[in-house]
N, C-alpha and C. Protein backbone atom coordinates (compact mmCIF):
# COMPACT_ATOMS: atom_id res chain seq x y z
N UNK A 1 47.68 57.59 40.89
CA UNK A 1 48.69 56.58 40.55
C UNK A 1 48.39 56.03 39.15
N UNK A 2 49.40 55.95 38.34
CA UNK A 2 49.27 55.42 36.99
C UNK A 2 49.27 53.89 37.04
N UNK A 3 48.41 53.28 36.24
CA UNK A 3 48.32 51.82 36.23
C UNK A 3 49.52 51.21 35.50
N UNK A 4 49.76 49.94 35.82
CA UNK A 4 50.84 49.20 35.16
C UNK A 4 50.59 49.17 33.65
N UNK A 5 49.35 48.97 33.25
CA UNK A 5 49.02 48.92 31.82
C UNK A 5 49.35 50.24 31.13
N UNK A 6 49.00 51.35 31.77
CA UNK A 6 49.27 52.67 31.18
C UNK A 6 50.77 52.90 31.04
N UNK A 7 51.54 52.48 32.05
CA UNK A 7 53.00 52.63 31.99
C UNK A 7 53.58 51.80 30.84
N UNK A 8 53.13 50.55 30.73
CA UNK A 8 53.62 49.67 29.66
C UNK A 8 53.20 50.20 28.29
N UNK A 9 51.98 50.73 28.19
CA UNK A 9 51.53 51.30 26.91
C UNK A 9 52.43 52.47 26.50
N UNK A 10 52.74 53.36 27.44
CA UNK A 10 53.62 54.51 27.15
C UNK A 10 55.01 54.02 26.73
N UNK A 11 55.53 53.03 27.43
CA UNK A 11 56.86 52.49 27.11
C UNK A 11 56.86 51.85 25.73
N UNK A 12 55.78 51.16 25.40
CA UNK A 12 55.68 50.50 24.10
C UNK A 12 55.54 51.51 22.96
N UNK A 13 54.89 52.63 23.22
CA UNK A 13 54.80 53.69 22.21
C UNK A 13 56.19 54.18 21.81
N UNK A 14 57.10 54.19 22.75
CA UNK A 14 58.47 54.64 22.46
C UNK A 14 59.17 53.71 21.48
N UNK A 15 58.70 52.48 21.39
CA UNK A 15 59.30 51.55 20.42
C UNK A 15 59.14 52.08 19.01
N UNK A 16 57.93 52.48 18.69
CA UNK A 16 57.65 52.98 17.33
C UNK A 16 58.35 54.32 17.09
N UNK A 17 58.23 55.23 18.03
CA UNK A 17 58.81 56.56 17.81
C UNK A 17 60.34 56.52 17.79
N UNK A 18 60.93 55.60 18.57
CA UNK A 18 62.38 55.50 18.62
C UNK A 18 62.96 54.41 17.75
N UNK A 19 62.09 53.70 17.02
CA UNK A 19 62.50 52.58 16.17
C UNK A 19 63.40 51.62 16.95
N UNK A 20 62.90 51.20 18.11
CA UNK A 20 63.66 50.34 19.01
C UNK A 20 63.59 48.88 18.57
N UNK A 21 64.63 48.12 18.87
CA UNK A 21 64.71 46.71 18.50
C UNK A 21 64.21 45.80 19.61
N UNK A 22 63.55 46.37 20.60
CA UNK A 22 63.00 45.63 21.73
C UNK A 22 61.63 46.22 22.03
N UNK A 23 60.96 45.75 23.06
CA UNK A 23 59.56 46.08 23.30
C UNK A 23 59.31 47.56 23.54
N UNK A 24 60.17 48.22 24.30
CA UNK A 24 59.96 49.63 24.59
C UNK A 24 60.95 50.15 25.60
N UNK A 25 60.72 51.40 26.04
CA UNK A 25 61.65 52.05 26.96
C UNK A 25 60.86 52.80 28.03
N UNK A 26 61.43 52.81 29.23
CA UNK A 26 60.81 53.46 30.38
C UNK A 26 61.74 54.49 30.98
N UNK A 27 61.17 55.56 31.52
CA UNK A 27 61.98 56.47 32.32
C UNK A 27 62.28 55.76 33.65
N UNK A 28 63.27 56.21 34.38
CA UNK A 28 63.53 55.59 35.68
C UNK A 28 62.30 55.64 36.60
N UNK A 29 61.59 56.76 36.60
CA UNK A 29 60.40 56.89 37.45
C UNK A 29 59.31 55.90 37.04
N UNK A 30 59.12 55.73 35.74
CA UNK A 30 58.13 54.76 35.25
C UNK A 30 58.54 53.34 35.65
N UNK A 31 59.83 53.05 35.56
CA UNK A 31 60.31 51.71 35.91
C UNK A 31 60.00 51.40 37.37
N UNK A 32 60.29 52.33 38.27
CA UNK A 32 60.02 52.09 39.69
C UNK A 32 58.52 51.97 39.94
N UNK A 33 57.71 52.82 39.31
CA UNK A 33 56.26 52.73 39.48
C UNK A 33 55.74 51.39 38.99
N UNK A 34 56.26 50.91 37.88
CA UNK A 34 55.84 49.62 37.34
C UNK A 34 56.25 48.48 38.27
N UNK A 35 57.45 48.52 38.79
CA UNK A 35 57.91 47.50 39.74
C UNK A 35 57.01 47.48 40.98
N UNK A 36 56.60 48.66 41.45
CA UNK A 36 55.75 48.73 42.63
C UNK A 36 54.31 48.30 42.33
N UNK A 37 53.89 48.42 41.08
CA UNK A 37 52.51 48.11 40.71
C UNK A 37 52.29 46.65 40.32
N UNK A 38 53.35 45.96 39.90
CA UNK A 38 53.18 44.61 39.36
C UNK A 38 54.31 43.71 39.85
N UNK A 39 53.97 42.75 40.69
CA UNK A 39 54.98 41.86 41.28
C UNK A 39 55.63 40.93 40.26
N UNK A 40 55.08 40.83 39.05
CA UNK A 40 55.67 39.97 38.02
C UNK A 40 56.79 40.65 37.24
N UNK A 41 56.94 41.95 37.41
CA UNK A 41 57.98 42.71 36.71
C UNK A 41 59.31 42.46 37.39
N UNK A 42 60.37 42.32 36.58
CA UNK A 42 61.72 42.11 37.10
C UNK A 42 62.66 43.17 36.55
N UNK A 43 63.49 43.72 37.41
CA UNK A 43 64.56 44.61 36.99
C UNK A 43 65.80 43.76 36.81
N UNK A 44 66.35 43.76 35.60
CA UNK A 44 67.56 43.01 35.30
C UNK A 44 68.71 44.01 35.15
N UNK A 45 69.56 44.05 36.15
CA UNK A 45 70.70 44.96 36.18
C UNK A 45 71.84 44.27 35.45
N UNK A 46 72.27 44.82 34.32
CA UNK A 46 73.29 44.16 33.49
C UNK A 46 74.70 44.69 33.74
N UNK A 47 74.84 45.51 34.78
CA UNK A 47 76.18 46.01 35.12
C UNK A 47 77.01 44.89 35.74
N UNK A 48 78.31 45.11 35.82
CA UNK A 48 79.20 44.11 36.41
C UNK A 48 79.03 44.09 37.93
N UNK A 49 79.43 43.00 38.51
CA UNK A 49 79.37 42.90 39.98
C UNK A 49 80.26 43.96 40.62
N UNK A 50 81.35 44.28 39.97
CA UNK A 50 82.23 45.33 40.48
C UNK A 50 81.49 46.67 40.55
N UNK A 51 80.71 46.98 39.54
CA UNK A 51 79.92 48.22 39.56
C UNK A 51 78.92 48.21 40.72
N UNK A 52 78.30 47.08 40.94
CA UNK A 52 77.35 46.98 42.06
C UNK A 52 78.06 47.23 43.38
N UNK A 53 79.25 46.63 43.53
CA UNK A 53 80.01 46.78 44.76
C UNK A 53 80.53 48.20 44.95
N UNK A 54 80.98 48.84 43.88
CA UNK A 54 81.62 50.15 43.98
C UNK A 54 80.66 51.32 43.88
N UNK A 55 79.53 51.11 43.20
CA UNK A 55 78.62 52.23 42.92
C UNK A 55 77.29 52.09 43.67
N UNK A 56 76.76 50.90 43.74
CA UNK A 56 75.47 50.67 44.38
C UNK A 56 74.48 50.07 43.41
N UNK A 57 73.23 49.90 43.89
CA UNK A 57 72.20 49.32 43.04
C UNK A 57 70.83 49.86 43.43
N UNK A 58 69.87 49.76 42.51
CA UNK A 58 68.53 50.26 42.81
C UNK A 58 67.87 49.46 43.94
N UNK A 59 67.08 50.14 44.71
CA UNK A 59 66.29 49.49 45.76
C UNK A 59 64.90 49.28 45.17
N UNK A 60 64.55 48.03 44.96
CA UNK A 60 63.25 47.68 44.37
C UNK A 60 62.59 46.62 45.26
N UNK A 61 61.30 46.35 45.04
CA UNK A 61 60.63 45.35 45.88
C UNK A 61 61.35 44.00 45.86
N UNK A 62 61.29 43.32 47.01
CA UNK A 62 61.94 42.02 47.15
C UNK A 62 61.51 41.06 46.05
N UNK A 63 62.49 40.31 45.55
CA UNK A 63 62.22 39.29 44.54
C UNK A 63 62.09 39.82 43.13
N UNK A 64 62.29 41.13 42.94
CA UNK A 64 62.11 41.71 41.61
C UNK A 64 63.42 42.23 41.01
N UNK A 65 64.53 41.87 41.61
CA UNK A 65 65.83 42.35 41.15
C UNK A 65 66.73 41.15 40.85
N UNK A 66 67.46 41.26 39.75
CA UNK A 66 68.48 40.26 39.42
C UNK A 66 69.64 40.96 38.73
N UNK A 67 70.84 40.45 38.96
CA UNK A 67 72.02 40.94 38.26
C UNK A 67 72.47 39.86 37.29
N UNK A 68 72.48 40.20 36.00
CA UNK A 68 72.98 39.32 34.95
C UNK A 68 73.93 40.18 34.11
N UNK A 69 75.22 40.00 34.31
CA UNK A 69 76.21 40.84 33.63
C UNK A 69 76.12 40.72 32.11
N UNK A 70 76.17 41.86 31.43
CA UNK A 70 76.23 41.87 29.97
C UNK A 70 77.67 41.64 29.52
N UNK A 71 78.60 42.26 30.23
CA UNK A 71 80.04 42.03 30.01
C UNK A 71 80.65 41.66 31.35
N UNK A 72 81.79 41.01 31.29
CA UNK A 72 82.49 40.55 32.50
C UNK A 72 83.54 41.56 32.93
N UNK A 73 83.76 41.61 34.22
CA UNK A 73 84.85 42.40 34.78
C UNK A 73 85.78 41.44 35.50
N UNK A 74 87.09 41.61 35.34
CA UNK A 74 87.77 42.59 34.50
C UNK A 74 87.79 42.16 33.04
N UNK A 75 88.16 43.08 32.21
CA UNK A 75 88.37 42.79 30.80
C UNK A 75 87.29 43.28 29.87
N UNK A 76 86.08 43.46 30.36
CA UNK A 76 85.01 43.94 29.50
C UNK A 76 84.63 42.98 28.38
N UNK A 77 84.85 41.69 28.59
CA UNK A 77 84.50 40.72 27.56
C UNK A 77 83.02 40.36 27.67
N UNK A 78 82.37 40.11 26.54
CA UNK A 78 80.96 39.76 26.57
C UNK A 78 80.70 38.52 27.44
N UNK A 79 79.58 38.54 28.13
CA UNK A 79 79.17 37.39 28.93
C UNK A 79 78.52 36.37 28.00
N UNK A 80 79.24 35.34 27.66
CA UNK A 80 78.73 34.34 26.72
C UNK A 80 77.57 33.52 27.30
N UNK A 81 77.34 33.63 28.58
CA UNK A 81 76.26 32.89 29.24
C UNK A 81 75.07 33.79 29.59
N UNK A 82 75.02 34.98 28.99
CA UNK A 82 73.97 35.95 29.33
C UNK A 82 72.56 35.35 29.26
N UNK A 83 72.21 34.76 28.13
CA UNK A 83 70.84 34.23 27.99
C UNK A 83 70.56 33.08 28.94
N UNK A 84 71.52 32.23 29.13
CA UNK A 84 71.37 31.12 30.07
C UNK A 84 71.13 31.65 31.49
N UNK A 85 71.91 32.66 31.88
CA UNK A 85 71.76 33.23 33.22
C UNK A 85 70.45 34.01 33.34
N UNK A 86 70.06 34.70 32.28
CA UNK A 86 68.78 35.41 32.29
C UNK A 86 67.63 34.42 32.47
N UNK A 87 67.67 33.33 31.74
CA UNK A 87 66.63 32.31 31.83
C UNK A 87 66.58 31.70 33.24
N UNK A 88 67.72 31.59 33.90
CA UNK A 88 67.72 31.04 35.26
C UNK A 88 67.08 32.02 36.25
N UNK A 89 67.05 33.30 35.90
CA UNK A 89 66.46 34.31 36.77
C UNK A 89 64.95 34.49 36.54
N UNK A 90 64.50 34.19 35.33
CA UNK A 90 63.09 34.34 35.00
C UNK A 90 62.72 33.35 33.91
N UNK A 91 61.88 32.42 34.24
CA UNK A 91 61.49 31.39 33.27
C UNK A 91 60.27 31.82 32.46
N UNK A 92 59.58 32.89 32.87
CA UNK A 92 58.40 33.37 32.16
C UNK A 92 58.83 34.36 31.08
N UNK A 93 58.87 33.89 29.84
CA UNK A 93 59.34 34.75 28.75
C UNK A 93 58.36 35.87 28.39
N UNK A 94 57.16 35.85 28.99
CA UNK A 94 56.18 36.91 28.74
C UNK A 94 56.15 37.95 29.87
N UNK A 95 56.92 37.74 30.92
CA UNK A 95 56.95 38.69 32.04
C UNK A 95 57.74 39.94 31.63
N UNK A 96 57.30 41.12 32.07
CA UNK A 96 58.06 42.33 31.77
C UNK A 96 59.43 42.31 32.43
N UNK A 97 60.47 42.52 31.62
CA UNK A 97 61.85 42.61 32.09
C UNK A 97 62.35 44.02 31.81
N UNK A 98 62.87 44.68 32.82
CA UNK A 98 63.37 46.04 32.70
C UNK A 98 64.88 46.01 32.83
N UNK A 99 65.58 46.30 31.75
CA UNK A 99 67.04 46.21 31.73
C UNK A 99 67.66 47.55 32.10
N UNK A 100 68.68 47.49 32.98
CA UNK A 100 69.33 48.68 33.50
C UNK A 100 70.84 48.50 33.46
N UNK A 101 71.56 49.57 33.09
CA UNK A 101 73.02 49.59 33.20
C UNK A 101 73.43 50.98 33.70
N UNK A 102 74.67 51.35 33.54
CA UNK A 102 75.16 52.63 34.04
C UNK A 102 74.50 53.81 33.34
N UNK A 103 74.51 53.79 31.99
CA UNK A 103 74.04 54.97 31.26
C UNK A 103 73.10 54.62 30.10
N UNK A 104 72.53 53.43 30.12
CA UNK A 104 71.55 52.98 29.12
C UNK A 104 72.16 52.62 27.78
N UNK A 105 73.38 52.13 27.76
CA UNK A 105 73.98 51.63 26.53
C UNK A 105 73.94 50.09 26.51
N UNK A 106 74.53 49.48 27.53
CA UNK A 106 74.51 48.02 27.62
C UNK A 106 73.08 47.49 27.79
N UNK A 107 72.25 48.24 28.49
CA UNK A 107 70.87 47.78 28.72
C UNK A 107 70.09 47.71 27.41
N UNK A 108 70.36 48.60 26.49
CA UNK A 108 69.71 48.54 25.17
C UNK A 108 70.13 47.27 24.43
N UNK A 109 71.42 46.97 24.47
CA UNK A 109 71.92 45.76 23.82
C UNK A 109 71.34 44.51 24.48
N UNK A 110 71.27 44.50 25.81
CA UNK A 110 70.72 43.35 26.52
C UNK A 110 69.24 43.18 26.24
N UNK A 111 68.49 44.28 26.21
CA UNK A 111 67.06 44.21 25.90
C UNK A 111 66.85 43.68 24.49
N UNK A 112 67.68 44.11 23.56
CA UNK A 112 67.59 43.62 22.18
C UNK A 112 67.85 42.13 22.12
N UNK A 113 68.91 41.68 22.78
CA UNK A 113 69.26 40.25 22.76
C UNK A 113 68.16 39.41 23.41
N UNK A 114 67.63 39.87 24.53
CA UNK A 114 66.55 39.14 25.21
C UNK A 114 65.30 39.08 24.34
N UNK A 115 64.97 40.19 23.71
CA UNK A 115 63.79 40.24 22.84
C UNK A 115 63.96 39.25 21.68
N UNK A 116 65.13 39.25 21.07
CA UNK A 116 65.41 38.33 19.96
C UNK A 116 65.34 36.86 20.40
N UNK A 117 65.60 36.61 21.69
CA UNK A 117 65.57 35.24 22.23
C UNK A 117 64.17 34.84 22.72
N UNK A 118 63.18 35.70 22.49
CA UNK A 118 61.81 35.34 22.84
C UNK A 118 61.26 35.93 24.12
N UNK A 119 62.03 36.76 24.81
CA UNK A 119 61.50 37.48 25.97
C UNK A 119 60.71 38.66 25.42
N UNK A 120 59.41 38.46 25.30
CA UNK A 120 58.56 39.36 24.51
C UNK A 120 58.29 40.71 25.17
N UNK A 121 58.61 40.85 26.45
CA UNK A 121 58.39 42.11 27.16
C UNK A 121 59.72 42.65 27.70
N UNK A 122 60.64 42.92 26.78
CA UNK A 122 61.97 43.40 27.13
C UNK A 122 62.03 44.92 26.96
N UNK A 123 62.27 45.63 28.06
CA UNK A 123 62.28 47.09 28.08
C UNK A 123 63.63 47.61 28.56
N UNK A 124 64.03 48.74 28.00
CA UNK A 124 65.23 49.45 28.44
C UNK A 124 64.80 50.52 29.43
N UNK A 125 65.61 50.75 30.47
CA UNK A 125 65.38 51.88 31.36
C UNK A 125 66.27 53.02 30.88
N UNK A 126 65.63 54.05 30.37
CA UNK A 126 66.32 55.22 29.84
C UNK A 126 67.20 55.87 30.91
N UNK A 127 68.27 56.45 30.52
CA UNK A 127 69.20 57.19 31.37
C UNK A 127 70.11 56.32 32.22
N UNK A 128 69.73 55.07 32.49
CA UNK A 128 70.56 54.18 33.29
C UNK A 128 70.56 54.51 34.77
N UNK A 129 71.45 53.86 35.49
CA UNK A 129 71.54 54.03 36.94
C UNK A 129 72.25 55.34 37.30
N UNK A 130 73.39 55.60 36.66
CA UNK A 130 74.19 56.79 36.97
C UNK A 130 73.98 57.93 35.99
N UNK A 131 73.45 57.65 34.81
CA UNK A 131 73.19 58.69 33.82
C UNK A 131 74.43 59.19 33.10
N UNK A 132 74.23 60.25 32.37
CA UNK A 132 75.30 60.85 31.59
C UNK A 132 76.31 61.58 32.47
N UNK A 133 77.48 61.86 31.90
CA UNK A 133 78.51 62.62 32.61
C UNK A 133 78.15 64.11 32.56
N UNK A 134 78.50 64.82 33.64
CA UNK A 134 78.34 66.26 33.66
C UNK A 134 79.58 66.91 33.03
N UNK A 135 79.67 68.22 33.06
CA UNK A 135 80.79 68.92 32.42
C UNK A 135 82.13 68.62 33.08
N UNK A 136 82.11 68.06 34.29
CA UNK A 136 83.34 67.68 34.98
C UNK A 136 83.65 66.20 34.85
N UNK A 137 82.85 65.49 34.05
CA UNK A 137 83.08 64.07 33.84
C UNK A 137 82.50 63.17 34.92
N UNK A 138 81.65 63.72 35.78
CA UNK A 138 81.05 62.95 36.86
C UNK A 138 79.63 62.53 36.50
N UNK A 139 79.24 61.38 36.99
CA UNK A 139 77.88 60.87 36.78
C UNK A 139 77.01 61.16 38.01
N UNK A 140 75.74 60.86 37.90
CA UNK A 140 74.72 61.04 38.95
C UNK A 140 74.31 62.50 39.12
N UNK A 141 74.77 63.40 38.26
CA UNK A 141 74.46 64.82 38.38
C UNK A 141 73.61 65.36 37.24
N UNK A 142 73.34 64.55 36.22
CA UNK A 142 72.64 65.04 35.04
C UNK A 142 71.37 64.25 34.79
N UNK A 143 71.47 62.94 34.89
CA UNK A 143 70.34 62.07 34.57
C UNK A 143 70.55 60.74 35.28
N UNK A 144 69.57 59.87 35.15
CA UNK A 144 69.69 58.52 35.69
C UNK A 144 68.89 58.30 36.96
N UNK A 145 68.82 57.01 37.35
CA UNK A 145 68.08 56.57 38.52
C UNK A 145 68.46 57.37 39.76
N UNK A 146 69.76 57.49 40.02
CA UNK A 146 70.23 58.19 41.22
C UNK A 146 69.89 59.68 41.17
N UNK A 147 70.14 60.32 40.05
CA UNK A 147 69.86 61.74 39.89
C UNK A 147 68.38 62.03 40.09
N UNK A 148 67.52 61.11 39.68
CA UNK A 148 66.06 61.30 39.80
C UNK A 148 65.57 61.12 41.24
N UNK A 149 66.49 60.78 42.14
CA UNK A 149 66.13 60.66 43.55
C UNK A 149 65.39 59.39 43.90
N UNK A 150 65.52 58.38 43.05
CA UNK A 150 64.86 57.10 43.31
C UNK A 150 65.69 56.31 44.32
N UNK A 151 65.06 55.40 45.06
CA UNK A 151 65.78 54.70 46.12
C UNK A 151 66.88 53.77 45.58
N UNK A 152 68.01 53.80 46.27
CA UNK A 152 69.12 52.92 45.91
C UNK A 152 69.99 52.65 47.12
N UNK A 153 70.68 51.53 47.04
CA UNK A 153 71.64 51.16 48.07
C UNK A 153 72.99 51.65 47.62
N UNK A 154 73.65 52.46 48.43
CA UNK A 154 74.97 52.97 48.07
C UNK A 154 76.06 51.95 48.31
N UNK A 155 77.18 52.22 47.70
CA UNK A 155 78.32 51.30 47.84
C UNK A 155 79.04 51.59 49.14
């Protein structure tokens, strides 16, 4: 089993190699291993509540999951209360926060915003929950949390 420190070190190395604007990036498998290894780690799912209802969500240890929408549904308008809601979910700005969305686009933006606001351990989960589209335009078949066979609650 890989230690939490080793996982965080690997994720932080990706910051330099990827010139990331936040602390680092984790694969879905690393994210789950880190959540299981350290009770202080939180997964922040930035998808809309509609996505959670229609698609599902990751199954992670109790007390380590929060949903803070990056954009609102309907309309796709930015959540102007994102930082306020994030702070209500985790008051420890030094705790590792793992940001997740559908395909790792919104999560990168959320991790950047959180990092800029002083959340010093803001990480993106690469590939997202559903991953990229396949040749037929469907998700969950190419990459992502679900494709990797990690536990999740279906819709």
